[in-house]
Amino acid sequence: MPKQEEREKNMAISDKEFLEFIVKAIVAHPEDVRSERTIDERGVLLTLKTNPEDMGYVIGKGGQTAKSIRTLLKIVGAQNNARVNLKIAEPEGSTHPRRAMREEISTDAVDDLKI
């Protein structure tokens, strides 16, 4: 097997398994953690699926946990000369409210402060 294919095969194991290992350690339902790995012109895309109850654990306060996981995946990818991105799939049955779009944010309070 040529070296490039061997590296890609080893990376397929390492980045996906690394992601699942980290996420399973922080969620309440580790048996529901799944990830899919796809490769395109932008690099490697790992799509993470979890139990709806675990979304808060995976995303973290202000998105800090998700950001940290993405940073670690970028390091794993850099070691293997690949760009690794993470997409967290919103599970069916998720009940979190959608964030308002920036255009919809009311500026009434700011307008009251203007002289």
Protein backbone atom coordinates (compact mmCIF):
# COMPACT_ATOMS: atom_id res chain seq x y z
CA MET A 1 0.00 0.00 0.00
CA PRO A 2 1.48 3.41 -0.91
CA LYS A 3 2.45 5.64 2.00
CA GLN A 4 -0.20 8.31 1.28
CA GLU A 5 -3.02 5.76 1.33
CA GLU A 6 -1.61 4.20 4.48
CA ARG A 7 -1.47 7.61 6.19
CA GLU A 8 -5.05 8.35 5.15
CA LYS A 9 -6.19 4.98 6.46
CA ASN A 10 -4.41 5.56 9.78
CA MET A 11 -5.84 9.06 10.01
CA ALA A 12 -9.33 7.76 9.33
CA ILE A 13 -8.97 5.72 12.46
CA SER A 14 -7.21 8.31 14.58
CA ASP A 15 -9.28 11.47 14.05
CA LYS A 16 -12.67 9.75 14.17
CA GLU A 17 -11.74 7.57 17.15
CA PHE A 18 -10.18 10.56 18.90
CA LEU A 19 -13.40 12.56 18.51
CA GLU A 20 -15.57 9.73 19.78
CA PHE A 21 -13.22 9.08 22.72
CA ILE A 22 -13.38 12.71 23.85
CA VAL A 23 -17.13 13.09 23.42
CA LYS A 24 -17.97 9.77 25.10
CA ALA A 25 -15.98 10.92 28.14
CA ILE A 26 -18.11 14.06 28.62
CA VAL A 27 -21.67 12.98 27.78
CA ALA A 28 -24.28 11.16 29.86
CA HIS A 29 -25.18 8.72 27.04
CA PRO A 30 -21.86 7.56 25.52
CA GLU A 31 -23.58 4.67 23.75
CA ASP A 32 -25.41 7.17 21.51
CA VAL A 33 -22.27 8.93 20.24
CA ARG A 34 -21.72 8.41 16.50
CA SER A 35 -19.53 10.16 13.98
CA GLU A 36 -19.25 10.08 10.21
CA ARG A 37 -16.09 10.93 8.29
CA THR A 38 -16.14 12.41 4.79
CA ILE A 39 -13.35 13.79 2.66
CA ASP A 40 -13.75 16.54 0.08
CA GLU A 41 -11.68 19.32 -1.47
CA ARG A 42 -11.78 21.26 1.81
CA GLY A 43 -10.33 18.38 3.84
CA VAL A 44 -11.85 16.00 6.36
CA LEU A 45 -15.31 16.64 7.78
CA LEU A 46 -16.33 14.81 10.93
CA THR A 47 -20.06 14.95 11.64
CA LEU A 48 -20.93 14.24 15.27
CA LYS A 49 -24.30 12.86 16.35
CA THR A 50 -25.29 12.55 20.00
CA ASN A 51 -28.31 11.99 22.21
CA PRO A 52 -30.47 15.17 22.30
CA GLU A 53 -29.99 15.36 26.08
CA ASP A 54 -26.19 15.57 25.62
CA MET A 55 -26.06 18.58 23.30
CA GLY A 56 -25.37 20.95 26.20
CA TYR A 57 -22.39 18.88 27.30
CA VAL A 58 -20.93 18.79 23.80
CA ILE A 59 -21.43 22.47 23.03
CA GLY A 60 -20.63 23.78 26.51
CA LYS A 61 -21.21 27.21 27.98
CA GLY A 62 -20.90 29.76 25.22
CA GLY A 63 -19.70 27.05 22.84
CA GLN A 64 -16.39 26.64 24.68
CA THR A 65 -16.41 22.83 24.75
CA ALA A 66 -17.16 22.58 21.01
CA LYS A 67 -14.46 25.16 20.30
CA SER A 68 -11.94 23.18 22.36
CA ILE A 69 -12.80 19.92 20.59
CA ARG A 70 -12.37 21.65 17.21
CA THR A 71 -8.97 22.98 18.30
CA LEU A 72 -7.82 19.50 19.33
CA LEU A 73 -9.06 18.04 16.03
CA LYS A 74 -7.10 20.67 14.10
CA ILE A 75 -3.97 19.55 15.95
CA VAL A 76 -4.66 15.90 15.13
CA GLY A 77 -5.20 16.88 11.51
CA ALA A 78 -2.03 18.96 11.37
CA GLN A 79 -0.02 15.97 12.56
CA ASN A 80 -1.38 14.08 9.56
CA ASN A 81 -1.12 16.95 7.04
CA ALA A 82 -4.89 17.32 6.73
CA ARG A 83 -7.49 19.90 7.60
CA VAL A 84 -10.09 18.46 9.97
CA ASN A 85 -13.42 20.20 10.58
CA LEU A 86 -16.19 19.28 12.99
CA LYS A 87 -19.92 19.59 12.37
CA ILE A 88 -22.22 18.90 15.29
CA ALA A 89 -25.50 17.59 13.92
CA GLU A 90 -28.59 18.75 15.74
CA PRO A 91 -30.38 15.57 16.79
CA GLU A 92 -34.05 14.96 16.12
CA GLY A 93 -36.08 15.95 19.13
CA SER A 94 -33.74 18.74 20.12
CA THR A 95 -35.71 21.46 21.86
CA HIS A 96 -33.22 24.30 22.25
CA PRO A 97 -34.47 27.64 20.93
CA ARG A 98 -32.88 29.10 17.82
CA ARG A 99 -30.79 32.20 18.32
CA ALA A 100 -32.19 35.38 16.82
CA MET A 101 -30.54 36.65 13.68
CA ARG A 102 -28.48 39.79 14.08
CA GLU A 103 -30.91 41.85 11.97
CA GLU A 104 -33.75 40.96 14.34
CA ILE A 105 -32.03 42.27 17.49
CA SER A 106 -33.86 45.25 18.91
CA THR A 107 -31.86 48.47 19.22
CA ASP A 108 -34.51 50.32 21.27
CA ALA A 109 -32.35 50.33 24.41
CA VAL A 110 -29.41 51.81 22.49
CA ASP A 111 -31.64 54.43 20.89
CA ASP A 112 -32.87 55.50 24.35
CA LEU A 113 -29.27 56.20 25.41
CA LYS A 114 -28.59 58.52 22.48
CA ILE A 115 -28.80 62.23 23.14
